[in-house]
């Protein structure tokens, strides 16, 4: 799924199974998460509509399929990676599980950050970092 923000305003959003967690989702909400290839190509002009529109469909998890013949993954797998490749977005984690690019920490009153001592690379020293379990992010 994705939400496309431009200057802090939602321009497009997509979720292949908007009622996955709750089947009481309204039809209006399902429509809001439909995604729009025309909107995406408007903001990512190097991408052709025909190259991404097959990703913006509701998934049938009983039917495993690829969006395009040259994709590596199916809708029941990591299809998002193929979609990111078509948009020229690099996968944000390398083969050693290191995060590439900038990262930001999110916390709330209900999910506070917890200090954790971690080693500094090649220094033998430690620093106190703030860490939160990844599963509380969602």
Protein backbone atom coordinates (compact mmCIF):
# COMPACT_ATOMS: atom_id res chain seq x y z
CA UNK A 1 0.00 0.00 0.00
CA UNK A 2 1.07 3.60 -0.33
CA UNK A 3 -0.02 7.14 0.37
CA UNK A 4 1.35 9.81 -1.96
CA UNK A 5 1.83 13.16 -0.23
CA UNK A 6 2.67 16.34 -2.10
CA UNK A 7 3.41 19.38 0.07
CA UNK A 8 1.75 17.64 3.01
CA UNK A 9 -1.46 16.93 1.10
CA UNK A 10 -2.66 13.42 0.18
CA UNK A 11 -2.81 13.17 -3.61
CA UNK A 12 -3.31 9.43 -3.99
CA UNK A 13 -3.47 6.26 -1.94
CA UNK A 14 -3.69 2.57 -2.63
CA UNK A 15 -4.27 -0.60 -0.64
CA UNK A 16 -4.82 -3.91 -2.46
CA UNK A 17 -7.01 -5.29 0.36
CA UNK A 18 -8.49 -2.34 2.26
CA UNK A 19 -10.86 -4.58 4.21
CA UNK A 20 -8.17 -7.13 5.18
CA UNK A 21 -8.27 -6.33 8.91
CA UNK A 22 -11.92 -5.31 9.14
CA UNK A 23 -14.59 -6.40 6.68
CA UNK A 24 -16.89 -3.61 7.91
CA UNK A 25 -14.95 -1.02 5.88
CA UNK A 26 -17.38 1.17 3.94
CA UNK A 27 -17.50 1.21 0.16
CA UNK A 28 -16.51 4.88 0.32
CA UNK A 29 -13.35 4.00 2.24
CA UNK A 30 -12.55 1.17 -0.20
CA UNK A 31 -12.88 3.66 -3.07
CA UNK A 32 -10.49 6.09 -1.31
CA UNK A 33 -7.78 3.40 -1.35
CA UNK A 34 -8.20 2.43 -5.01
CA UNK A 35 -5.10 4.23 -6.31
CA UNK A 36 -4.84 6.11 -9.57
CA UNK A 37 -2.11 5.47 -12.14
CA UNK A 38 -2.85 8.82 -13.87
CA UNK A 39 -2.16 10.66 -10.62
CA UNK A 40 1.10 8.77 -10.06
CA UNK A 41 2.45 9.46 -13.54
CA UNK A 42 1.54 13.12 -13.08
CA UNK A 43 3.96 13.28 -10.12
CA UNK A 44 6.47 10.72 -11.43
CA UNK A 45 6.75 11.73 -15.10
CA UNK A 46 9.47 9.19 -15.91
CA UNK A 47 6.91 6.40 -15.40
CA UNK A 48 4.41 5.28 -18.01
CA UNK A 49 0.86 4.50 -16.91
CA UNK A 50 0.97 1.15 -18.72
CA UNK A 51 3.99 0.13 -16.61
CA UNK A 52 2.22 0.50 -13.25
CA UNK A 53 -1.56 0.34 -13.67
CA UNK A 54 -1.68 -3.46 -13.22
CA UNK A 55 -0.37 -3.05 -9.66
CA UNK A 56 -3.34 -0.90 -8.69
CA UNK A 57 -5.90 -3.69 -8.51
CA UNK A 58 -7.72 -5.39 -5.69
CA UNK A 59 -5.97 -8.64 -4.78
CA UNK A 60 -7.64 -12.01 -4.77
CA UNK A 61 -5.45 -13.97 -2.35
CA UNK A 62 -6.92 -17.23 -3.65
CA UNK A 63 -5.35 -16.48 -7.03
CA UNK A 64 -1.59 -15.90 -7.02
CA UNK A 65 -0.50 -13.85 -10.02
CA UNK A 66 2.06 -11.35 -11.25
CA UNK A 67 1.05 -7.88 -12.36
CA UNK A 68 3.50 -8.01 -15.32
CA UNK A 69 5.39 -10.85 -17.03
CA UNK A 70 8.79 -9.36 -16.13
CA UNK A 71 7.95 -9.12 -12.40
CA UNK A 72 9.80 -11.24 -9.89
CA UNK A 73 6.98 -11.42 -7.33
CA UNK A 74 3.26 -12.16 -7.18
CA UNK A 75 0.40 -10.48 -5.36
CA UNK A 76 0.76 -13.08 -2.58
CA UNK A 77 4.45 -12.29 -2.17
CA UNK A 78 6.57 -9.11 -2.42
CA UNK A 79 4.86 -7.44 -5.38
CA UNK A 80 5.56 -4.06 -3.80
CA UNK A 81 9.25 -4.52 -4.67
CA UNK A 82 8.41 -4.87 -8.37
CA UNK A 83 6.17 -1.80 -8.14
CA UNK A 84 8.96 0.18 -6.46
CA UNK A 85 11.37 -0.90 -9.21
CA UNK A 86 8.99 0.46 -11.88
CA UNK A 87 8.86 3.78 -10.01
CA UNK A 88 12.69 3.80 -9.72
CA UNK A 89 12.42 3.73 -5.92
CA UNK A 90 15.31 1.84 -4.32
CA UNK A 91 14.49 -0.84 -1.78
CA UNK A 92 15.28 0.85 1.57
CA UNK A 93 17.20 -2.07 3.14
CA UNK A 94 20.37 -3.65 1.75
CA UNK A 95 21.32 -7.36 1.71
CA UNK A 96 22.89 -6.97 5.19
CA UNK A 97 19.64 -5.51 6.60
CA UNK A 98 21.12 -2.01 6.87
CA UNK A 99 18.65 0.80 6.32
CA UNK A 100 19.56 3.01 3.35
CA UNK A 101 18.66 6.68 3.33
CA UNK A 102 17.16 8.79 6.08
CA UNK A 103 15.06 7.22 8.79
CA UNK A 104 12.78 8.82 11.33
CA UNK A 105 11.54 7.61 14.69
CA UNK A 106 7.89 7.82 15.59
CA UNK A 107 6.65 7.65 19.13
CA UNK A 108 3.50 8.45 21.03
CA UNK A 109 2.44 8.74 24.64
CA UNK A 110 1.21 5.13 24.45
CA UNK A 111 4.36 3.84 22.71
CA UNK A 112 7.28 5.66 24.34
CA UNK A 113 10.85 5.38 23.12
CA UNK A 114 13.11 3.27 25.32
CA UNK A 115 16.84 4.10 25.73
CA UNK A 116 19.18 1.31 24.65
CA UNK A 117 22.98 1.19 24.76
CA UNK A 118 24.47 0.22 21.41
CA UNK A 119 28.10 -0.07 20.27
CA UNK A 120 29.59 2.63 18.09
CA UNK A 121 31.15 1.16 14.97
CA UNK A 122 34.90 0.39 15.34
CA UNK A 123 35.25 2.51 18.50
CA UNK A 124 34.76 0.02 21.32
CA UNK A 125 32.49 2.60 22.96
CA UNK A 126 28.73 2.59 23.35
CA UNK A 127 26.15 5.28 23.01
CA UNK A 128 22.64 5.45 24.34
CA UNK A 129 20.16 5.26 21.50
CA UNK A 130 16.42 5.37 21.50
CA UNK A 131 14.84 2.21 20.16
CA UNK A 132 11.28 0.98 19.80
CA UNK A 133 10.11 -2.47 18.72
CA UNK A 134 9.42 -2.46 14.97
CA UNK A 135 6.02 -4.09 15.46
CA UNK A 136 4.70 -1.13 17.43
CA UNK A 137 5.24 1.06 14.37
CA UNK A 138 2.25 -0.41 12.61
